[in-house]
C-alpha atoms as a PDB file:
ATOM      1  CA  MET A   1      -0.187  -0.323   0.092  1.00  0.00           C
ATOM      2  CA  PRO A   2       1.641   3.463  -1.062  1.00  0.00           C
ATOM      3  CA  PHE A   3       2.776   5.712   2.187  1.00  0.00           C
ATOM      4  CA  VAL A   4      -0.061   8.986   1.011  1.00  0.00           C
ATOM      5  CA  GLU A   5      -2.735   6.349   1.507  1.00  0.00           C
ATOM      6  CA  LEU A   6      -1.425   4.641   4.479  1.00  0.00           C
ATOM      7  CA  LEU A   7      -1.545   7.813   6.572  1.00  0.00           C
ATOM      8  CA  ARG A   8      -4.729   9.248   5.768  1.00  0.00           C
ATOM      9  CA  GLN A   9      -5.610   5.460   7.305  1.00  0.00           C
ATOM     10  CA  ALA A  10      -3.547   5.954  10.266  1.00  0.00           C
ATOM     11  CA  GLU A  11      -4.984  10.431  10.313  1.00  0.00           C
ATOM     12  CA  ALA A  12      -8.982   8.194   9.992  1.00  0.00           C
ATOM     13  CA  GLY A  13      -7.983   6.238  13.254  1.00  0.00           C
ATOM     14  CA  ASP A  14      -6.462   2.940  11.785  1.00  0.00           C
ATOM     15  CA  LYS A  15      -4.898   2.105  15.202  1.00  0.00           C
ATOM     16  CA  TYR A  16      -3.189  -0.992  12.457  1.00  0.00           C
ATOM     17  CA  ALA A  17      -1.813   1.688  10.400  1.00  0.00           C
ATOM     18  CA  GLN A  18      -0.930   4.174  12.454  1.00  0.00           C
ATOM     19  CA  TYR A  19       1.748   1.466  13.763  1.00  0.00           C
ATOM     20  CA  SER A  20       2.887   1.144   9.756  1.00  0.00           C
ATOM     21  CA  VAL A  21       2.785   4.607   9.913  1.00  0.00           C
ATOM     22  CA  GLY A  22       5.383   4.984  12.430  1.00  0.00           C
ATOM     23  CA  ASP A  23       7.341   1.726  10.959  1.00  0.00           C
ATOM     24  CA  SER A  24       7.534   4.288   8.106  1.00  0.00           C
ATOM     25  CA  TYR A  25       9.159   6.691   9.302  1.00  0.00           C
ATOM     26  CA  ALA A  26      11.204   4.096  12.148  1.00  0.00           C
ATOM     27  CA  THR A  27      12.421   2.408   8.662  1.00  0.00           C
ATOM     28  CA  GLY A  28      12.469   5.698   6.354  1.00  0.00           C
ATOM     29  CA  ARG A  29      10.514   3.085   4.141  1.00  0.00           C
ATOM     30  CA  GLY A  30       8.301   4.511   1.237  1.00  0.00           C
ATOM     31  CA  VAL A  31       9.256   8.318   3.814  1.00  0.00           C
ATOM     32  CA  ALA A  32      12.453   9.893   4.997  1.00  0.00           C
ATOM     33  CA  LYS A  33      13.083   8.447   8.161  1.00  0.00           C
ATOM     34  CA  ASN A  34      11.730  11.201  10.573  1.00  0.00           C
ATOM     35  CA  ASP A  35      12.440   9.642  14.173  1.00  0.00           C
ATOM     36  CA  GLU A  36      10.267  11.492  16.044  1.00  0.00           C
ATOM     37  CA  GLU A  37       7.287  10.533  13.735  1.00  0.00           C
ATOM     38  CA  ALA A  38       7.739   7.120  13.846  1.00  0.00           C
ATOM     39  CA  VAL A  39       7.064   7.613  17.847  1.00  0.00           C
ATOM     40  CA  ASN A  40       4.734   9.677  17.288  1.00  0.00           C
ATOM     41  CA  TRP A  41       2.700   7.082  15.695  1.00  0.00           C
ATOM     42  CA  TRP A  42       3.591   4.574  18.346  1.00  0.00           C
ATOM     43  CA  LEU A  43       2.236   6.116  20.616  1.00  0.00           C
ATOM     44  CA  ARG A  44      -1.027   6.703  18.934  1.00  0.00           C
ATOM     45  CA  ALA A  45      -0.544   3.312  18.375  1.00  0.00           C
ATOM     46  CA  ALA A  46      -0.430   2.376  21.905  1.00  0.00           C
ATOM     47  CA  ARG A  47      -2.684   4.058  23.064  1.00  0.00           C
ATOM     48  CA  ASN A  48      -5.317   1.553  20.907  1.00  0.00           C
ATOM     49  CA  GLY A  49      -4.019  -1.274  22.369  1.00  0.00           C
ATOM     50  CA  ILE A  50      -1.575  -2.540  20.040  1.00  0.00           C
ATOM     51  CA  ALA A  51       1.153  -4.889  21.600  1.00  0.00           C
ATOM     52  CA  GLU A  52       3.523  -3.894  18.896  1.00  0.00           C
ATOM     53  CA  ALA A  53       3.259  -0.733  19.429  1.00  0.00           C
ATOM     54  CA  GLN A  54       3.080  -0.328  23.004  1.00  0.00           C
ATOM     55  CA  ASN A  55       6.716  -2.862  22.911  1.00  0.00           C
ATOM     56  CA  HIS A  56       8.471  -0.282  20.790  1.00  0.00           C
ATOM     57  CA  MET A  57       7.127   2.559  23.258  1.00  0.00           C
ATOM     58  CA  GLY A  58       9.060   0.460  25.869  1.00  0.00           C
ATOM     59  CA  LEU A  59      12.441  -0.267  24.118  1.00  0.00           C
ATOM     60  CA  TYR A  60      12.852   3.507  22.984  1.00  0.00           C
ATOM     61  CA  THR A  61      12.290   4.568  26.274  1.00  0.00           C
ATOM     62  CA  SER A  62      14.674   2.232  28.515  1.00  0.00           C
ATOM     63  CA  THR A  63      16.865   3.940  25.852  1.00  0.00           C
ATOM     64  CA  GLU A  64      17.307   7.246  26.896  1.00  0.00           C
END
């Protein structure tokens, strides 16, 4: 799925798309790499109950 469509779904509240947008920003897949945006989208997904996003947030905060 193209990043623009994924972002549209994420902005509409799709928690799985939010997680994927975070991954895209973290890896630079389909969009410029941006760690701040990755964390922003993973946090949204984590708040919506996505365990993988919660895991990313736990790992992220333990390295700061």
